[in-house]
């Protein structure tokens, strides 16, 4: 889960990720998070929802890769055929 969170943090605006962390993990009310970060309450909820979705997708992908290591030989579209 840490890897999924870390990848999400790297792919979004830092304030949006902080809003996600504060509302999801620290149970800070959205109204307070909005005030702390200078965001609207709607943006806090949108950030939380969007980032939760990103984390879930990352987690599913990472779990699939861990369960099926032989099917993940490199980036999409790469081949192991080394024709000369």
N, C-alpha and C. Protein backbone atom coordinates (compact mmCIF):
# COMPACT_ATOMS: atom_id res chain seq x y z
N UNK A 1 0.82 -1.19 0.00
CA UNK A 1 0.00 0.00 0.00
C UNK A 1 0.87 1.26 0.00
N UNK A 2 2.01 1.19 0.68
CA UNK A 2 2.90 2.35 0.72
C UNK A 2 3.36 2.74 -0.67
N UNK A 3 3.68 1.74 -1.49
CA UNK A 3 4.12 2.01 -2.86
C UNK A 3 3.00 2.66 -3.67
N UNK A 4 1.78 2.17 -3.51
CA UNK A 4 0.63 2.73 -4.22
C UNK A 4 0.42 4.20 -3.82
N UNK A 5 0.56 4.49 -2.54
CA UNK A 5 0.43 5.86 -2.05
C UNK A 5 1.56 6.74 -2.56
N UNK A 6 2.77 6.20 -2.53
CA UNK A 6 3.93 6.96 -2.98
C UNK A 6 3.82 7.33 -4.46
N UNK A 7 3.38 6.37 -5.28
CA UNK A 7 3.21 6.65 -6.71
C UNK A 7 2.13 7.69 -6.94
N UNK A 8 1.06 7.62 -6.16
CA UNK A 8 -0.01 8.61 -6.29
C UNK A 8 0.51 10.00 -5.91
N UNK A 9 1.26 10.07 -4.83
CA UNK A 9 1.80 11.35 -4.37
C UNK A 9 2.67 12.00 -5.43
N UNK A 10 3.41 11.19 -6.17
CA UNK A 10 4.30 11.71 -7.20
C UNK A 10 3.56 12.17 -8.45
N UNK A 11 2.31 11.74 -8.61
CA UNK A 11 1.60 12.02 -9.85
C UNK A 11 0.55 13.13 -9.74
N UNK A 12 0.40 13.71 -8.56
CA UNK A 12 -0.63 14.74 -8.37
C UNK A 12 -0.04 15.99 -7.71
N UNK A 13 -0.83 17.03 -7.71
CA UNK A 13 -0.46 18.28 -7.05
C UNK A 13 -0.23 18.02 -5.56
N UNK A 14 0.85 18.53 -4.98
CA UNK A 14 1.14 18.29 -3.56
C UNK A 14 0.01 18.72 -2.62
N UNK A 15 -0.63 19.85 -2.89
CA UNK A 15 -1.74 20.28 -2.03
C UNK A 15 -2.91 19.31 -2.11
N UNK A 16 -3.17 18.80 -3.30
CA UNK A 16 -4.25 17.83 -3.45
C UNK A 16 -3.94 16.56 -2.66
N UNK A 17 -2.70 16.11 -2.73
CA UNK A 17 -2.33 14.91 -1.98
C UNK A 17 -2.41 15.16 -0.48
N UNK A 18 -2.01 16.35 -0.06
CA UNK A 18 -2.09 16.68 1.37
C UNK A 18 -3.55 16.71 1.81
N UNK A 19 -4.44 17.22 0.97
CA UNK A 19 -5.87 17.22 1.30
C UNK A 19 -6.37 15.78 1.45
N UNK A 20 -5.94 14.90 0.56
CA UNK A 20 -6.30 13.49 0.64
C UNK A 20 -5.81 12.88 1.95
N UNK A 21 -4.54 13.11 2.27
CA UNK A 21 -3.97 12.54 3.49
C UNK A 21 -4.67 13.05 4.74
N UNK A 22 -4.91 14.34 4.79
CA UNK A 22 -5.52 14.91 5.98
C UNK A 22 -6.94 14.40 6.19
N UNK A 23 -7.72 14.32 5.10
CA UNK A 23 -9.11 13.87 5.25
C UNK A 23 -9.21 12.37 5.41
N UNK A 24 -8.34 11.62 4.73
CA UNK A 24 -8.44 10.16 4.75
C UNK A 24 -7.71 9.51 5.92
N UNK A 25 -6.53 9.98 6.21
CA UNK A 25 -5.70 9.30 7.21
C UNK A 25 -5.68 10.00 8.56
N UNK A 26 -5.86 11.31 8.56
CA UNK A 26 -5.80 12.04 9.82
C UNK A 26 -7.18 12.46 10.31
N UNK A 27 -8.20 12.16 9.52
CA UNK A 27 -9.60 12.44 9.88
C UNK A 27 -9.85 13.91 10.19
N UNK A 28 -9.14 14.78 9.49
CA UNK A 28 -9.39 16.21 9.64
C UNK A 28 -10.62 16.55 8.78
N UNK A 29 -11.58 17.28 9.32
CA UNK A 29 -12.77 17.62 8.54
C UNK A 29 -12.41 18.41 7.27
N UNK A 30 -13.16 18.16 6.20
CA UNK A 30 -12.89 18.81 4.91
C UNK A 30 -12.90 20.33 5.03
N UNK A 31 -13.81 20.86 5.84
CA UNK A 31 -13.88 22.32 6.01
C UNK A 31 -12.58 22.87 6.57
N UNK A 32 -12.00 22.15 7.53
CA UNK A 32 -10.74 22.59 8.13
C UNK A 32 -9.58 22.44 7.14
N UNK A 33 -9.58 21.34 6.40
CA UNK A 33 -8.53 21.12 5.39
C UNK A 33 -8.59 22.23 4.34
N UNK A 34 -9.79 22.58 3.92
CA UNK A 34 -9.95 23.65 2.93
C UNK A 34 -9.35 24.96 3.45
N UNK A 35 -9.59 25.24 4.72
CA UNK A 35 -9.07 26.47 5.32
C UNK A 35 -7.54 26.41 5.42
N UNK A 36 -7.01 25.28 5.85
CA UNK A 36 -5.56 25.11 6.01
C UNK A 36 -4.83 25.27 4.68
N UNK A 37 -5.38 24.66 3.62
CA UNK A 37 -4.70 24.63 2.33
C UNK A 37 -5.15 25.72 1.37
N UNK A 38 -6.12 26.52 1.77
CA UNK A 38 -6.60 27.58 0.90
C UNK A 38 -7.34 27.04 -0.32
N UNK A 39 -8.07 25.95 -0.12
CA UNK A 39 -8.83 25.31 -1.20
C UNK A 39 -10.31 25.44 -0.87
N UNK A 40 -11.14 25.25 -1.90
CA UNK A 40 -12.57 25.18 -1.62
C UNK A 40 -12.88 23.80 -1.04
N UNK A 41 -13.98 23.70 -0.34
CA UNK A 41 -14.39 22.40 0.22
C UNK A 41 -14.63 21.41 -0.92
N UNK A 42 -15.22 21.89 -2.02
CA UNK A 42 -15.45 21.02 -3.18
C UNK A 42 -14.13 20.46 -3.71
N UNK A 43 -13.09 21.29 -3.77
CA UNK A 43 -11.79 20.80 -4.25
C UNK A 43 -11.19 19.77 -3.30
N UNK A 44 -11.42 19.94 -2.02
CA UNK A 44 -10.93 18.96 -1.05
C UNK A 44 -11.59 17.61 -1.31
N UNK A 45 -12.91 17.61 -1.47
CA UNK A 45 -13.63 16.36 -1.73
C UNK A 45 -13.23 15.76 -3.08
N UNK A 46 -13.06 16.60 -4.10
CA UNK A 46 -12.65 16.11 -5.42
C UNK A 46 -11.25 15.49 -5.35
N UNK A 47 -10.35 16.15 -4.64
CA UNK A 47 -8.98 15.62 -4.49
C UNK A 47 -9.02 14.27 -3.79
N UNK A 48 -9.78 14.19 -2.72
CA UNK A 48 -9.88 12.94 -1.97
C UNK A 48 -10.39 11.81 -2.85
N UNK A 49 -11.43 12.07 -3.60
CA UNK A 49 -12.03 11.05 -4.46
C UNK A 49 -11.08 10.64 -5.59
N UNK A 50 -10.50 11.64 -6.25
CA UNK A 50 -9.60 11.36 -7.38
C UNK A 50 -8.37 10.58 -6.94
N UNK A 51 -7.79 10.98 -5.84
CA UNK A 51 -6.56 10.33 -5.38
C UNK A 51 -6.85 8.95 -4.82
N UNK A 52 -7.99 8.78 -4.16
CA UNK A 52 -8.37 7.44 -3.70
C UNK A 52 -8.46 6.50 -4.90
N UNK A 53 -9.02 6.97 -6.00
CA UNK A 53 -9.14 6.16 -7.21
C UNK A 53 -7.76 5.82 -7.77
N UNK A 54 -6.86 6.78 -7.78
CA UNK A 54 -5.50 6.55 -8.26
C UNK A 54 -4.80 5.51 -7.38
N UNK A 55 -4.92 5.65 -6.07
CA UNK A 55 -4.29 4.71 -5.14
C UNK A 55 -4.83 3.30 -5.35
N UNK A 56 -6.14 3.18 -5.50
CA UNK A 56 -6.75 1.87 -5.72
C UNK A 56 -6.24 1.23 -7.01
N UNK A 57 -6.13 2.02 -8.08
CA UNK A 57 -5.61 1.49 -9.35
C UNK A 57 -4.16 1.07 -9.20
N UNK A 58 -3.35 1.92 -8.54
CA UNK A 58 -1.95 1.58 -8.32
C UNK A 58 -1.82 0.30 -7.51
N UNK A 59 -2.62 0.18 -6.45
CA UNK A 59 -2.57 -0.99 -5.59
C UNK A 59 -2.94 -2.25 -6.37
N UNK A 60 -3.99 -2.18 -7.17
CA UNK A 60 -4.40 -3.33 -7.97
C UNK A 60 -3.30 -3.74 -8.94
N UNK A 61 -2.70 -2.75 -9.60
CA UNK A 61 -1.62 -3.04 -10.55
C UNK A 61 -0.43 -3.67 -9.84
N UNK A 62 -0.04 -3.11 -8.72
CA UNK A 62 1.12 -3.63 -7.99
C UNK A 62 0.85 -5.04 -7.47
N UNK A 63 -0.36 -5.29 -7.00
CA UNK A 63 -0.72 -6.63 -6.52
C UNK A 63 -0.70 -7.62 -7.67
N UNK A 64 -1.22 -7.22 -8.81
CA UNK A 64 -1.22 -8.09 -9.99
C UNK A 64 0.22 -8.40 -10.42
N UNK A 65 1.06 -7.40 -10.42
CA UNK A 65 2.47 -7.60 -10.79
C UNK A 65 3.16 -8.54 -9.81
N UNK A 66 2.84 -8.44 -8.53
CA UNK A 66 3.46 -9.30 -7.52
C UNK A 66 2.97 -10.74 -7.67
N UNK A 67 1.71 -10.91 -8.04
CA UNK A 67 1.14 -12.25 -8.19
C UNK A 67 1.55 -12.91 -9.50
N UNK A 68 1.90 -12.11 -10.50
CA UNK A 68 2.24 -12.63 -11.83
C UNK A 68 3.55 -12.03 -12.32
N UNK A 69 4.65 -12.29 -11.64
CA UNK A 69 5.91 -11.64 -12.02
C UNK A 69 6.40 -12.00 -13.41
N UNK A 70 6.05 -13.17 -13.93
CA UNK A 70 6.52 -13.58 -15.25
C UNK A 70 5.85 -12.81 -16.38
N UNK A 71 4.70 -12.20 -16.13
CA UNK A 71 4.00 -11.47 -17.17
C UNK A 71 4.40 -10.01 -17.23
N UNK A 72 5.31 -9.60 -16.38
CA UNK A 72 5.74 -8.19 -16.32
C UNK A 72 7.23 -8.10 -16.62
N UNK A 73 7.55 -8.30 -17.88
CA UNK A 73 8.96 -8.32 -18.27
C UNK A 73 9.49 -6.97 -18.69
N UNK A 74 8.70 -5.94 -18.61
CA UNK A 74 9.18 -4.63 -18.99
C UNK A 74 8.04 -3.72 -19.33
N UNK A 75 8.38 -2.56 -19.86
CA UNK A 75 7.34 -1.60 -20.22
C UNK A 75 6.41 -2.15 -21.29
N UNK A 76 5.20 -1.65 -21.31
CA UNK A 76 4.24 -2.08 -22.32
C UNK A 76 4.84 -1.84 -23.70
N UNK A 77 4.63 -2.81 -24.58
CA UNK A 77 5.10 -2.66 -25.94
C UNK A 77 6.52 -3.14 -26.14
N UNK A 78 7.24 -3.47 -25.07
CA UNK A 78 8.59 -3.96 -25.24
C UNK A 78 8.55 -5.45 -25.52
N UNK A 79 9.56 -5.92 -26.19
CA UNK A 79 9.65 -7.35 -26.49
C UNK A 79 10.99 -7.86 -26.05
N UNK A 80 11.04 -9.16 -25.82
CA UNK A 80 12.31 -9.75 -25.42
C UNK A 80 13.03 -10.35 -26.62
N UNK A 81 12.46 -10.22 -27.82
CA UNK A 81 13.06 -10.73 -29.04
C UNK A 81 14.23 -9.84 -29.44
N UNK A 82 15.41 -10.40 -29.48
CA UNK A 82 16.61 -9.66 -29.81
C UNK A 82 17.13 -10.09 -31.17
N UNK A 83 16.35 -9.95 -32.21
CA UNK A 83 16.77 -10.37 -33.55
C UNK A 83 17.91 -9.52 -34.04
N UNK A 84 18.83 -10.16 -34.77
CA UNK A 84 19.96 -9.42 -35.32
C UNK A 84 19.92 -9.42 -36.81
